[in-house]
PDB file of N, CA and C in Angstrom:
ATOM      1  N   MET A   1     -12.238 -11.179  -5.493  1.00  0.00           N
ATOM      2  CA  MET A   1     -11.422  -9.629  -5.974  1.00  0.00           C
ATOM      3  C   MET A   1     -13.173  -8.800  -6.669  1.00  0.00           C
ATOM      4  N   ASN A   2     -12.823  -7.303  -5.583  1.00  0.00           N
ATOM      5  CA  ASN A   2     -14.732  -6.449  -6.540  1.00  0.00           C
ATOM      6  C   ASN A   2     -13.281  -5.051  -7.158  1.00  0.00           C
ATOM      7  N   ILE A   3     -14.054  -5.773  -8.475  1.00  0.00           N
ATOM      8  CA  ILE A   3     -13.579  -4.966  -9.764  1.00  0.00           C
ATOM      9  C   ILE A   3     -14.551  -3.703  -9.836  1.00  0.00           C
ATOM     10  N   ASP A   4     -13.792  -2.660 -10.099  1.00  0.00           N
ATOM     11  CA  ASP A   4     -14.822  -1.484 -10.186  1.00  0.00           C
ATOM     12  C   ASP A   4     -15.013  -1.054 -11.496  1.00  0.00           C
ATOM     13  N   LYS A   5     -14.063  -1.269 -12.555  1.00  0.00           N
ATOM     14  CA  LYS A   5     -14.931  -1.371 -13.988  1.00  0.00           C
ATOM     15  C   LYS A   5     -14.219  -2.201 -14.824  1.00  0.00           C
ATOM     16  N   GLU A   6     -15.310  -3.011 -15.937  1.00  0.00           N
ATOM     17  CA  GLU A   6     -14.857  -3.997 -16.534  1.00  0.00           C
ATOM     18  C   GLU A   6     -15.189  -3.129 -17.739  1.00  0.00           C
ATOM     19  N   ILE A   7     -13.544  -3.579 -19.405  1.00  0.00           N
ATOM     20  CA  ILE A   7     -14.080  -3.316 -20.173  1.00  0.00           C
ATOM     21  C   ILE A   7     -13.729  -4.653 -21.408  1.00  0.00           C
ATOM     22  N   ASP A   8     -14.578  -4.804 -22.456  1.00  0.00           N
ATOM     23  CA  ASP A   8     -14.424  -5.631 -22.943  1.00  0.00           C
ATOM     24  C   ASP A   8     -14.152  -5.110 -24.744  1.00  0.00           C
ATOM     25  N   THR A   9     -12.540  -6.173 -24.993  1.00  0.00           N
ATOM     26  CA  THR A   9     -11.470  -5.960 -25.999  1.00  0.00           C
ATOM     27  C   THR A   9     -11.995  -7.276 -26.625  1.00  0.00           C
ATOM     28  N   ARG A  10     -12.619  -8.040 -26.839  1.00  0.00           N
ATOM     29  CA  ARG A  10     -12.434  -9.059 -27.583  1.00  0.00           C
ATOM     30  C   ARG A  10     -12.952  -8.237 -29.056  1.00  0.00           C
ATOM     31  N   GLY A  11     -11.879  -9.268 -29.826  1.00  0.00           N
ATOM     32  CA  GLY A  11     -11.574  -9.062 -31.268  1.00  0.00           C
ATOM     33  C   GLY A  11     -11.131  -7.969 -32.042  1.00  0.00           C
ATOM     34  N   LEU A  12     -10.626  -7.039 -30.351  1.00  0.00           N
ATOM     35  CA  LEU A  12      -9.591  -6.449 -31.119  1.00  0.00           C
ATOM     36  C   LEU A  12      -8.152  -6.886 -30.798  1.00  0.00           C
ATOM     37  N   ASN A  13      -7.387  -6.165 -31.890  1.00  0.00           N
ATOM     38  CA  ASN A  13      -6.196  -7.022 -31.725  1.00  0.00           C
ATOM     39  C   ASN A  13      -5.479  -5.464 -31.241  1.00  0.00           C
ATOM     40  N   CYS A  14      -3.971  -5.952 -30.896  1.00  0.00           N
ATOM     41  CA  CYS A  14      -2.676  -4.920 -30.344  1.00  0.00           C
ATOM     42  C   CYS A  14      -2.988  -3.993 -31.294  1.00  0.00           C
ATOM     43  N   PRO A  15      -2.641  -2.261 -30.936  1.00  0.00           N
ATOM     44  CA  PRO A  15      -3.003  -2.051 -29.857  1.00  0.00           C
ATOM     45  C   PRO A  15      -4.008  -1.569 -28.952  1.00  0.00           C
ATOM     46  N   LEU A  16      -4.736  -1.788 -29.289  1.00  0.00           N
ATOM     47  CA  LEU A  16      -6.369  -1.362 -29.071  1.00  0.00           C
ATOM     48  C   LEU A  16      -6.777  -1.627 -27.331  1.00  0.00           C
ATOM     49  N   PRO A  17      -6.750  -3.014 -27.418  1.00  0.00           N
ATOM     50  CA  PRO A  17      -7.156  -3.377 -25.927  1.00  0.00           C
ATOM     51  C   PRO A  17      -5.907  -2.256 -25.156  1.00  0.00           C
ATOM     52  N   ILE A  18      -4.735  -1.822 -25.358  1.00  0.00           N
ATOM     53  CA  ILE A  18      -4.066  -1.868 -24.587  1.00  0.00           C
ATOM     54  C   ILE A  18      -4.698   0.217 -24.011  1.00  0.00           C
ATOM     55  N   LEU A  19      -4.498   0.344 -25.596  1.00  0.00           N
ATOM     56  CA  LEU A  19      -5.200   2.013 -25.730  1.00  0.00           C
ATOM     57  C   LEU A  19      -6.451   2.025 -24.733  1.00  0.00           C
ATOM     58  N   LYS A  20      -7.397   1.293 -24.911  1.00  0.00           N
ATOM     59  CA  LYS A  20      -8.864   1.147 -24.302  1.00  0.00           C
ATOM     60  C   LYS A  20      -9.082   0.996 -22.586  1.00  0.00           C
ATOM     61  N   ALA A  21      -7.456   0.629 -22.411  1.00  0.00           N
ATOM     62  CA  ALA A  21      -7.517  -0.050 -20.818  1.00  0.00           C
ATOM     63  C   ALA A  21      -6.609   1.227 -20.399  1.00  0.00           C
ATOM     64  N   LYS A  22      -5.711   2.202 -21.370  1.00  0.00           N
ATOM     65  CA  LYS A  22      -5.079   3.342 -20.728  1.00  0.00           C
ATOM     66  C   LYS A  22      -6.544   3.928 -20.592  1.00  0.00           C
ATOM     67  N   LYS A  23      -7.183   4.564 -21.362  1.00  0.00           N
ATOM     68  CA  LYS A  23      -8.364   5.162 -21.307  1.00  0.00           C
ATOM     69  C   LYS A  23      -8.804   4.979 -19.811  1.00  0.00           C
ATOM     70  N   ALA A  24      -9.254   3.614 -19.954  1.00  0.00           N
ATOM     71  CA  ALA A  24     -10.411   3.330 -18.559  1.00  0.00           C
ATOM     72  C   ALA A  24      -9.515   4.043 -17.810  1.00  0.00           C
ATOM     73  N   LEU A  25      -8.471   3.658 -17.514  1.00  0.00           N
ATOM     74  CA  LEU A  25      -7.651   3.816 -15.922  1.00  0.00           C
ATOM     75  C   LEU A  25      -7.663   5.422 -15.777  1.00  0.00           C
ATOM     76  N   ALA A  26      -7.845   6.083 -16.506  1.00  0.00           N
ATOM     77  CA  ALA A  26      -7.585   7.587 -16.883  1.00  0.00           C
ATOM     78  C   ALA A  26      -8.784   7.964 -15.817  1.00  0.00           C
ATOM     79  N   ASP A  27      -9.325   7.237 -15.805  1.00  0.00           N
ATOM     80  CA  ASP A  27     -11.121   7.992 -15.805  1.00  0.00           C
ATOM     81  C   ASP A  27     -11.270   7.440 -14.164  1.00  0.00           C
ATOM     82  N   MET A  28     -10.306   6.487 -13.511  1.00  0.00           N
ATOM     83  CA  MET A  28     -10.179   5.710 -12.059  1.00  0.00           C
ATOM     84  C   MET A  28      -9.752   6.343 -11.360  1.00  0.00           C
ATOM     85  N   LYS A  29      -9.852   5.984  -9.899  1.00  0.00           N
ATOM     86  CA  LYS A  29      -9.425   6.495  -8.551  1.00  0.00           C
ATOM     87  C   LYS A  29      -8.384   5.366  -8.497  1.00  0.00           C
ATOM     88  N   SER A  30      -7.201   6.023  -7.519  1.00  0.00           N
ATOM     89  CA  SER A  30      -6.172   5.160  -7.254  1.00  0.00           C
ATOM     90  C   SER A  30      -6.474   4.019  -6.514  1.00  0.00           C
ATOM     91  N   GLY A  31      -6.160   2.624  -6.978  1.00  0.00           N
ATOM     92  CA  GLY A  31      -6.655   1.699  -5.845  1.00  0.00           C
ATOM     93  C   GLY A  31      -7.750   0.628  -6.801  1.00  0.00           C
ATOM     94  N   GLN A  32      -8.450   1.385  -7.709  1.00  0.00           N
ATOM     95  CA  GLN A  32      -9.234   0.486  -8.030  1.00  0.00           C
ATOM     96  C   GLN A  32      -8.504  -0.121  -9.001  1.00  0.00           C
ATOM     97  N   LEU A  33      -9.789  -1.149  -9.318  1.00  0.00           N
ATOM     98  CA  LEU A  33      -9.712  -2.601 -10.392  1.00  0.00           C
ATOM     99  C   LEU A  33     -10.333  -2.252 -11.839  1.00  0.00           C
ATOM    100  N   LEU A  34      -9.183  -2.266 -12.685  1.00  0.00           N
ATOM    101  CA  LEU A  34      -9.902  -3.038 -14.072  1.00  0.00           C
ATOM    102  C   LEU A  34      -9.766  -4.178 -14.513  1.00  0.00           C
ATOM    103  N   LYS A  35     -10.859  -4.649 -14.801  1.00  0.00           N
ATOM    104  CA  LYS A  35     -10.961  -5.833 -15.751  1.00  0.00           C
ATOM    105  C   LYS A  35     -10.479  -5.593 -17.135  1.00  0.00           C
ATOM    106  N   VAL A  36      -9.940  -6.355 -17.968  1.00  0.00           N
ATOM    107  CA  VAL A  36      -9.521  -6.429 -19.357  1.00  0.00           C
ATOM    108  C   VAL A  36      -9.765  -7.713 -19.659  1.00  0.00           C
ATOM    109  N   VAL A  37     -10.748  -7.782 -20.902  1.00  0.00           N
ATOM    110  CA  VAL A  37     -11.119  -9.231 -21.255  1.00  0.00           C
ATOM    111  C   VAL A  37     -10.814  -9.062 -22.974  1.00  0.00           C
ATOM    112  N   SER A  38      -9.888 -10.133 -23.518  1.00  0.00           N
ATOM    113  CA  SER A  38      -9.526  -9.515 -24.751  1.00  0.00           C
ATOM    114  C   SER A  38      -9.570 -11.362 -25.350  1.00  0.00           C
ATOM    115  N   THR A  39      -9.495 -11.183 -26.498  1.00  0.00           N
ATOM    116  CA  THR A  39      -9.243 -12.814 -27.186  1.00  0.00           C
ATOM    117  C   THR A  39      -7.812 -13.052 -27.979  1.00  0.00           C
ATOM    118  N   ASP A  40      -7.299 -11.650 -27.790  1.00  0.00           N
ATOM    119  CA  ASP A  40      -5.851 -10.964 -28.126  1.00  0.00           C
ATOM    120  C   ASP A  40      -4.030 -11.963 -27.798  1.00  0.00           C
ATOM    121  N   ALA A  41      -4.350 -13.214 -28.193  1.00  0.00           N
ATOM    122  CA  ALA A  41      -3.221 -13.928 -27.151  1.00  0.00           C
ATOM    123  C   ALA A  41      -2.143 -12.882 -26.918  1.00  0.00           C
ATOM    124  N   GLY A  42      -1.286 -12.046 -27.526  1.00  0.00           N
ATOM    125  CA  GLY A  42      -0.490 -11.043 -27.430  1.00  0.00           C
ATOM    126  C   GLY A  42      -0.784 -10.288 -26.745  1.00  0.00           C
ATOM    127  N   SER A  43      -2.027 -10.258 -26.115  1.00  0.00           N
ATOM    128  CA  SER A  43      -2.291  -9.437 -24.894  1.00  0.00           C
ATOM    129  C   SER A  43      -1.516  -9.487 -23.762  1.00  0.00           C
ATOM    130  N   VAL A  44      -1.230 -10.550 -23.568  1.00  0.00           N
ATOM    131  CA  VAL A  44      -0.609 -11.138 -22.074  1.00  0.00           C
ATOM    132  C   VAL A  44       0.611 -10.425 -21.879  1.00  0.00           C
ATOM    133  N   ARG A  45       1.275 -10.769 -22.850  1.00  0.00           N
ATOM    134  CA  ARG A  45       2.892  -9.820 -22.589  1.00  0.00           C
ATOM    135  C   ARG A  45       2.833  -8.122 -22.984  1.00  0.00           C
ATOM    136  N   ASP A  46       1.467  -8.004 -23.387  1.00  0.00           N
ATOM    137  CA  ASP A  46       1.505  -6.215 -24.016  1.00  0.00           C
ATOM    138  C   ASP A  46       0.804  -6.193 -22.329  1.00  0.00           C
ATOM    139  N   PHE A  47       0.179  -6.409 -21.883  1.00  0.00           N
ATOM    140  CA  PHE A  47      -0.154  -5.900 -20.212  1.00  0.00           C
ATOM    141  C   PHE A  47       0.936  -5.831 -19.400  1.00  0.00           C
ATOM    142  N   GLN A  48       1.996  -7.221 -19.471  1.00  0.00           N
ATOM    143  CA  GLN A  48       2.939  -7.333 -18.426  1.00  0.00           C
ATOM    144  C   GLN A  48       3.566  -5.949 -18.657  1.00  0.00           C
ATOM    145  N   ALA A  49       3.828  -5.234 -19.698  1.00  0.00           N
ATOM    146  CA  ALA A  49       4.990  -4.649 -20.374  1.00  0.00           C
ATOM    147  C   ALA A  49       4.177  -2.898 -20.470  1.00  0.00           C
ATOM    148  N   PHE A  50       2.772  -3.191 -20.462  1.00  0.00           N
ATOM    149  CA  PHE A  50       2.060  -2.002 -19.879  1.00  0.00           C
ATOM    150  C   PHE A  50       2.059  -1.433 -18.025  1.00  0.00           C
ATOM    151  N   ALA A  51       2.205  -2.379 -17.956  1.00  0.00           N
ATOM    152  CA  ALA A  51       2.103  -2.389 -16.357  1.00  0.00           C
ATOM    153  C   ALA A  51       3.307  -1.700 -16.244  1.00  0.00           C
ATOM    154  N   LYS A  52       4.466  -2.233 -16.417  1.00  0.00           N
ATOM    155  CA  LYS A  52       5.930  -2.409 -15.966  1.00  0.00           C
ATOM    156  C   LYS A  52       5.826  -0.410 -16.528  1.00  0.00           C
ATOM    157  N   GLN A  53       5.444   0.134 -17.576  1.00  0.00           N
ATOM    158  CA  GLN A  53       5.721   0.804 -18.250  1.00  0.00           C
ATOM    159  C   GLN A  53       4.689   2.247 -17.306  1.00  0.00           C
ATOM    160  N   THR A  54       3.959   1.831 -17.078  1.00  0.00           N
ATOM    161  CA  THR A  54       2.767   3.053 -16.464  1.00  0.00           C
ATOM    162  C   THR A  54       3.030   2.918 -14.799  1.00  0.00           C
ATOM    163  N   GLY A  55       3.330   2.266 -14.256  1.00  0.00           N
ATOM    164  CA  GLY A  55       3.278   1.990 -12.904  1.00  0.00           C
ATOM    165  C   GLY A  55       1.955   1.185 -12.218  1.00  0.00           C
ATOM    166  N   ASN A  56       1.014   1.008 -13.046  1.00  0.00           N
ATOM    167  CA  ASN A  56       0.199   0.211 -12.474  1.00  0.00           C
ATOM    168  C   ASN A  56       0.198  -1.578 -12.065  1.00  0.00           C
ATOM    169  N   GLU A  57      -0.291  -1.627 -11.014  1.00  0.00           N
ATOM    170  CA  GLU A  57       0.003  -3.257 -10.822  1.00  0.00           C
ATOM    171  C   GLU A  57      -0.614  -3.828 -11.415  1.00  0.00           C
ATOM    172  N   LEU A  58      -0.206  -5.260 -12.337  1.00  0.00           N
ATOM    173  CA  LEU A  58      -0.862  -6.224 -12.585  1.00  0.00           C
ATOM    174  C   LEU A  58      -1.191  -7.434 -11.981  1.00  0.00           C
ATOM    175  N   VAL A  59      -2.602  -7.167 -11.180  1.00  0.00           N
ATOM    176  CA  VAL A  59      -3.074  -8.045 -10.153  1.00  0.00           C
ATOM    177  C   VAL A  59      -2.905  -9.467 -10.217  1.00  0.00           C
ATOM    178  N   GLU A  60      -3.580  -9.766 -11.654  1.00  0.00           N
ATOM    179  CA  GLU A  60      -4.039 -11.297 -12.203  1.00  0.00           C
ATOM    180  C   GLU A  60      -4.119 -11.081 -13.548  1.00  0.00           C
ATOM    181  N   GLN A  61      -3.535 -12.621 -14.384  1.00  0.00           N
ATOM    182  CA  GLN A  61      -3.803 -12.678 -15.911  1.00  0.00           C
ATOM    183  C   GLN A  61      -4.400 -14.321 -15.965  1.00  0.00           C
ATOM    184  N   GLN A  62      -5.177 -14.216 -16.452  1.00  0.00           N
ATOM    185  CA  GLN A  62      -5.569 -15.930 -16.703  1.00  0.00           C
ATOM    186  C   GLN A  62      -6.434 -16.076 -18.040  1.00  0.00           C
ATOM    187  N   GLU A  63      -6.270 -17.407 -18.435  1.00  0.00           N
ATOM    188  CA  GLU A  63      -7.066 -17.860 -19.774  1.00  0.00           C
ATOM    189  C   GLU A  63      -8.329 -18.456 -19.392  1.00  0.00           C
ATOM    190  N   VAL A  64      -9.204 -17.837 -20.178  1.00  0.00           N
ATOM    191  CA  VAL A  64     -11.054 -18.294 -19.258  1.00  0.00           C
ATOM    192  C   VAL A  64     -11.438 -18.794 -21.074  1.00  0.00           C
ATOM    193  N   GLY A  65     -11.029 -20.254 -21.164  1.00  0.00           N
ATOM    194  CA  GLY A  65     -11.811 -20.551 -23.045  1.00  0.00           C
ATOM    195  C   GLY A  65     -11.027 -19.642 -23.700  1.00  0.00           C
ATOM    196  N   PRO A  66     -11.843 -19.097 -24.497  1.00  0.00           N
ATOM    197  CA  PRO A  66     -10.952 -18.170 -25.694  1.00  0.00           C
ATOM    198  C   PRO A  66     -10.635 -16.919 -25.455  1.00  0.00           C
ATOM    199  N   ASP A  67     -10.491 -16.759 -23.975  1.00  0.00           N
ATOM    200  CA  ASP A  67     -10.406 -15.052 -23.564  1.00  0.00           C
ATOM    201  C   ASP A  67      -9.268 -14.763 -22.735  1.00  0.00           C
ATOM    202  N   PHE A  68      -8.726 -14.291 -22.910  1.00  0.00           N
ATOM    203  CA  PHE A  68      -7.422 -14.004 -22.068  1.00  0.00           C
ATOM    204  C   PHE A  68      -8.174 -12.333 -21.178  1.00  0.00           C
ATOM    205  N   VAL A  69      -8.119 -12.509 -19.793  1.00  0.00           N
ATOM    206  CA  VAL A  69      -8.743 -11.866 -18.708  1.00  0.00           C
ATOM    207  C   VAL A  69      -7.106 -11.189 -18.132  1.00  0.00           C
ATOM    208  N   HIS A  70      -7.181  -9.786 -17.887  1.00  0.00           N
ATOM    209  CA  HIS A  70      -6.255  -9.105 -17.292  1.00  0.00           C
ATOM    210  C   HIS A  70      -6.833  -8.330 -16.303  1.00  0.00           C
ATOM    211  N   VAL A  71      -6.436  -8.606 -15.206  1.00  0.00           N
ATOM    212  CA  VAL A  71      -6.843  -7.358 -14.283  1.00  0.00           C
ATOM    213  C   VAL A  71      -5.791  -6.483 -13.733  1.00  0.00           C
ATOM    214  N   LEU A  72      -6.204  -5.236 -13.917  1.00  0.00           N
ATOM    215  CA  LEU A  72      -4.745  -4.285 -13.288  1.00  0.00           C
ATOM    216  C   LEU A  72      -5.557  -3.410 -12.160  1.00  0.00           C
ATOM    217  N   ARG A  73      -4.688  -2.834 -11.282  1.00  0.00           N
ATOM    218  CA  ARG A  73      -4.746  -1.665 -10.224  1.00  0.00           C
ATOM    219  C   ARG A  73      -4.408  -0.362 -10.505  1.00  0.00           C
ATOM    220  N   ARG A  74      -4.725   0.583 -10.476  1.00  0.00           N
ATOM    221  CA  ARG A  74      -4.943   1.686 -10.851  1.00  0.00           C
ATOM    222  C   ARG A  74      -3.519   2.377  -9.635  1.00  0.00           C
ATOM    223  N   ARG A  75      -2.584   2.369 -10.282  1.00  0.00           N
ATOM    224  CA  ARG A  75      -1.542   3.578  -9.287  1.00  0.00           C
ATOM    225  C   ARG A  75      -2.408   4.913  -8.562  1.00  0.00           C
TER     226      ARG A  75
END
């Protein structure tokens, strides 16, 4: 997978990872991929809801050690 932009939101709690992702996506072109790394367990359901509400595609979610990794495709 070719990630176009990555943001590290480790140590931040809801809603900050979502807000930072929203800001990053605004600067991206349609179809580009954004990877968000978070330590907030609540971010899993937050990013699912965010993708549904905004129309951005949630391509992948995985737990890697203490981190939660979310990959979104810009609509």
